[in-house]
Amino acid sequence: MDEYNDDDLPSKSARKREVNALQDVGDKLMSLKPADLARLPLTDALMRAIEESRRITANEARRRHAQYIGKLMRAADGDAIERGLAALEDPLRHKRLLDWMERLERSEDSKAAQGILQEVIDTYAAADRQHLRNLTRNFFASRLPDDGAPLPDPAADKAARERFKRERRKVYDYLNDLERNAPLP
């Protein structure tokens, strides 16, 4: 009887906790947008089940469907899916983007911002270096004087401020787009 050891097998309670955890992940997956789901390493059957869950409105039916998704997740790589889901829900993502924008704004010119651009390119392998440099060059060209004094012509001042906002938004949108389309770890 020494060959058989019950300590190697997980208890029934441990298996139930694992199944419930997979159901919770299934609930999170059912609430994600299709663009976010496409970034996760999901099997075809799991993807179809999640798409099917969009038409289910009854609470009990959604609960049973979450159980089914949990069952499918046991066959898939659940750890990779959970890591990807955690990366999607990363609260520091937005903070990191804002930090880069603040550092760009504090830089004197586009040459001083090369370290920040290199950091972005290192973080996002899909970043287009030339496009990012063009965006930052236009951003720095549209900056207002450092003293904050308005330009003599009110119409020119308003146009300059609008151009600065537009160029700043382009840089931020590009960084945000890189984040949204980056492969998950």
Protein backbone atom coordinates (compact mmCIF):
# COMPACT_ATOMS: atom_id res chain seq x y z
CA MET A 1 0.00 0.00 0.00
CA ASP A 2 3.02 2.29 0.04
CA GLU A 3 2.66 2.76 -3.72
CA TYR A 4 -0.59 4.66 -3.39
CA ASN A 5 -0.32 8.03 -1.67
CA ASP A 6 -3.37 10.26 -1.21
CA ASP A 7 -1.21 13.27 -0.39
CA ASP A 8 -0.25 13.67 -4.07
CA LEU A 9 -3.86 14.17 -5.16
CA PRO A 10 -5.62 17.50 -4.58
CA SER A 11 -8.59 17.38 -2.24
CA LYS A 12 -12.13 17.76 -3.48
CA SER A 13 -12.28 21.23 -1.91
CA ALA A 14 -9.11 22.29 -3.69
CA ARG A 15 -10.51 21.08 -7.02
CA LYS A 16 -13.74 23.02 -6.37
CA ARG A 17 -11.77 26.19 -5.57
CA GLU A 18 -9.85 25.78 -8.82
CA VAL A 19 -13.05 25.27 -10.82
CA ASN A 20 -14.67 28.32 -9.18
CA ALA A 21 -11.59 30.40 -9.96
CA LEU A 22 -11.80 29.36 -13.61
CA GLN A 23 -15.52 30.29 -13.61
CA ASP A 24 -14.62 33.74 -12.28
CA VAL A 25 -12.07 34.15 -15.05
CA GLY A 26 -14.77 33.01 -17.49
CA ASP A 27 -17.08 35.75 -16.16
CA LYS A 28 -14.35 38.33 -16.74
CA LEU A 29 -13.75 37.01 -20.25
CA MET A 30 -17.46 37.25 -21.06
CA SER A 31 -17.43 40.95 -20.13
CA LEU A 32 -14.39 41.87 -22.28
CA LYS A 33 -14.57 43.72 -25.58
CA PRO A 34 -13.83 41.72 -28.75
CA ALA A 35 -10.62 43.70 -29.38
CA ASP A 36 -9.30 42.73 -25.94
CA LEU A 37 -10.35 39.11 -26.42
CA ALA A 38 -8.38 38.96 -29.67
CA ARG A 39 -5.19 39.77 -27.74
CA LEU A 40 -5.61 36.80 -25.38
CA PRO A 41 -4.35 33.28 -26.19
CA LEU A 42 -7.79 31.67 -26.47
CA THR A 43 -8.65 28.44 -28.24
CA ASP A 44 -11.25 28.48 -31.02
CA ALA A 45 -13.83 26.64 -28.92
CA LEU A 46 -13.31 29.06 -26.04
CA MET A 47 -13.61 32.06 -28.36
CA ARG A 48 -16.86 30.71 -29.84
CA ALA A 49 -18.28 30.08 -26.35
CA ILE A 50 -17.43 33.64 -25.27
CA GLU A 51 -19.01 35.07 -28.43
CA GLU A 52 -22.10 32.95 -27.78
CA SER A 53 -22.34 34.35 -24.25
CA ARG A 54 -23.08 37.81 -25.67
CA ARG A 55 -26.60 36.72 -26.64
CA ILE A 56 -27.39 35.11 -23.26
CA THR A 57 -29.28 37.47 -20.96
CA ALA A 58 -30.83 35.27 -18.28
CA ASN A 59 -28.81 35.17 -15.07
CA GLU A 60 -29.02 31.41 -14.54
CA ALA A 61 -28.15 30.72 -18.17
CA ARG A 62 -25.12 33.05 -17.89
CA ARG A 63 -24.00 31.22 -14.74
CA ARG A 64 -24.24 27.84 -16.48
CA HIS A 65 -22.45 29.24 -19.52
CA ALA A 66 -19.68 30.55 -17.23
CA GLN A 67 -19.35 26.98 -15.92
CA TYR A 68 -19.02 25.76 -19.50
CA ILE A 69 -16.36 28.38 -20.24
CA GLY A 70 -14.54 27.30 -17.07
CA LYS A 71 -14.62 23.72 -18.33
CA LEU A 72 -13.16 24.81 -21.67
CA MET A 73 -10.47 26.79 -19.85
CA ARG A 74 -9.29 23.64 -18.10
CA ALA A 75 -8.42 22.25 -21.56
CA ALA A 76 -6.78 25.55 -22.61
CA ASP A 77 -3.71 27.19 -21.09
CA GLY A 78 -5.48 28.82 -18.13
CA ASP A 79 -2.32 30.33 -16.67
CA ALA A 80 -1.46 32.17 -19.90
CA ILE A 81 -5.03 33.45 -20.15
CA GLU A 82 -4.96 34.68 -16.55
CA ARG A 83 -1.60 36.42 -17.12
CA GLY A 84 -2.99 38.09 -20.24
CA LEU A 85 -6.12 39.14 -18.38
CA ALA A 86 -4.00 40.62 -15.59
CA ALA A 87 -1.97 42.55 -18.18
CA LEU A 88 -5.20 43.90 -19.69
CA GLU A 89 -6.41 45.05 -16.29
CA ASP A 90 -3.04 46.60 -15.40
CA PRO A 91 -3.85 49.84 -13.53
CA LEU A 92 -0.38 51.22 -14.24
CA ARG A 93 -0.88 51.24 -18.02
CA HIS A 94 -2.58 54.62 -18.11
CA LYS A 95 -0.16 56.02 -15.55
CA ARG A 96 2.80 54.90 -17.66
CA LEU A 97 1.38 56.65 -20.73
CA LEU A 98 0.74 59.85 -18.78
CA ASP A 99 4.24 59.70 -17.31
CA TRP A 100 5.77 59.51 -20.80
CA MET A 101 3.65 62.46 -21.93
CA GLU A 102 4.66 64.56 -18.91
CA ARG A 103 8.33 63.76 -19.47
CA LEU A 104 7.97 64.70 -23.15
CA GLU A 105 6.38 68.02 -22.20
CA ARG A 106 9.20 68.80 -19.76
CA SER A 107 11.88 68.07 -22.36
CA GLU A 108 13.44 71.09 -24.05
CA ASP A 109 13.42 69.71 -27.59
CA SER A 110 13.04 66.51 -29.58
CA LYS A 111 16.74 65.66 -29.19
CA ALA A 112 16.39 65.77 -25.40
CA ALA A 113 13.39 63.43 -25.68
CA GLN A 114 15.34 60.66 -27.44
CA GLY A 115 15.69 58.70 -24.18
CA ILE A 116 11.93 58.71 -23.70
CA LEU A 117 11.37 57.62 -27.30
CA GLN A 118 13.87 54.81 -26.90
CA GLU A 119 12.03 53.68 -23.77
CA VAL A 120 8.75 53.58 -25.73
CA ILE A 121 10.39 51.65 -28.57
CA ASP A 122 11.93 49.18 -26.10
CA THR A 123 8.56 48.65 -24.43
CA TYR A 124 6.60 48.24 -27.67
CA ALA A 125 8.44 46.27 -30.33
CA ALA A 126 5.78 47.16 -32.91
CA ALA A 127 6.43 50.90 -32.55
CA ASP A 128 7.30 52.69 -35.77
CA ARG A 129 10.42 54.66 -34.84
CA GLN A 130 10.14 57.10 -37.74
CA HIS A 131 6.46 57.84 -37.13
CA LEU A 132 7.08 58.37 -33.43
CA ARG A 133 9.94 60.75 -34.15
CA ASN A 134 7.80 62.70 -36.62
CA LEU A 135 5.01 62.99 -34.07
CA THR A 136 7.36 64.23 -31.36
CA ARG A 137 9.09 66.65 -33.75
CA ASN A 138 5.69 68.15 -34.68
CA PHE A 139 4.77 68.22 -31.00
CA PHE A 140 7.88 70.20 -30.11
CA ALA A 141 7.45 72.51 -33.11
CA SER A 142 3.93 73.39 -31.95
CA ARG A 143 4.92 74.22 -28.37
CA LEU A 144 4.14 77.64 -27.01
CA PRO A 145 6.81 79.92 -25.55
CA ASP A 146 7.93 78.84 -22.08
CA ASP A 147 6.90 82.08 -20.40
CA GLY A 148 3.24 81.32 -21.13
CA ALA A 149 2.63 84.82 -22.49
CA PRO A 150 -0.03 84.95 -25.17
CA LEU A 151 0.94 85.86 -28.70
CA PRO A 152 0.20 89.47 -29.76
CA ASP A 153 -2.53 88.42 -32.19
CA PRO A 154 -5.43 86.72 -30.34
CA ALA A 155 -6.41 84.67 -33.39
CA ALA A 156 -2.82 83.47 -33.85
CA ASP A 157 -2.60 82.68 -30.12
CA LYS A 158 -5.78 80.60 -30.28
CA ALA A 159 -4.58 78.80 -33.42
CA ALA A 160 -1.20 78.05 -31.81
CA ARG A 161 -2.86 76.64 -28.69
CA GLU A 162 -5.21 74.50 -30.80
CA ARG A 163 -2.27 73.18 -32.85
CA PHE A 164 -0.38 72.30 -29.66
CA LYS A 165 -3.39 70.43 -28.27
CA ARG A 166 -3.85 68.59 -31.58
CA GLU A 167 -0.18 67.53 -31.79
CA ARG A 168 -0.18 66.47 -28.13
CA ARG A 169 -3.29 64.39 -28.74
CA LYS A 170 -1.67 62.71 -31.77
CA VAL A 171 1.33 61.62 -29.70
CA TYR A 172 -0.90 60.37 -26.87
CA ASP A 173 -3.22 58.54 -29.28
CA TYR A 174 -0.28 56.81 -30.93
CA LEU A 175 1.12 55.68 -27.56
CA ASN A 176 -2.34 54.51 -26.49
CA ASP A 177 -2.77 52.64 -29.78
CA LEU A 178 0.58 50.92 -29.24
CA GLU A 179 -0.57 49.85 -25.78
CA ARG A 180 -3.91 48.56 -27.01
CA ASN A 181 -2.38 46.48 -29.81
CA ALA A 182 0.75 45.26 -28.04
CA PRO A 183 1.00 41.50 -27.55
CA LEU A 184 0.34 40.42 -24.02
CA PRO A 185 3.07 38.75 -21.95
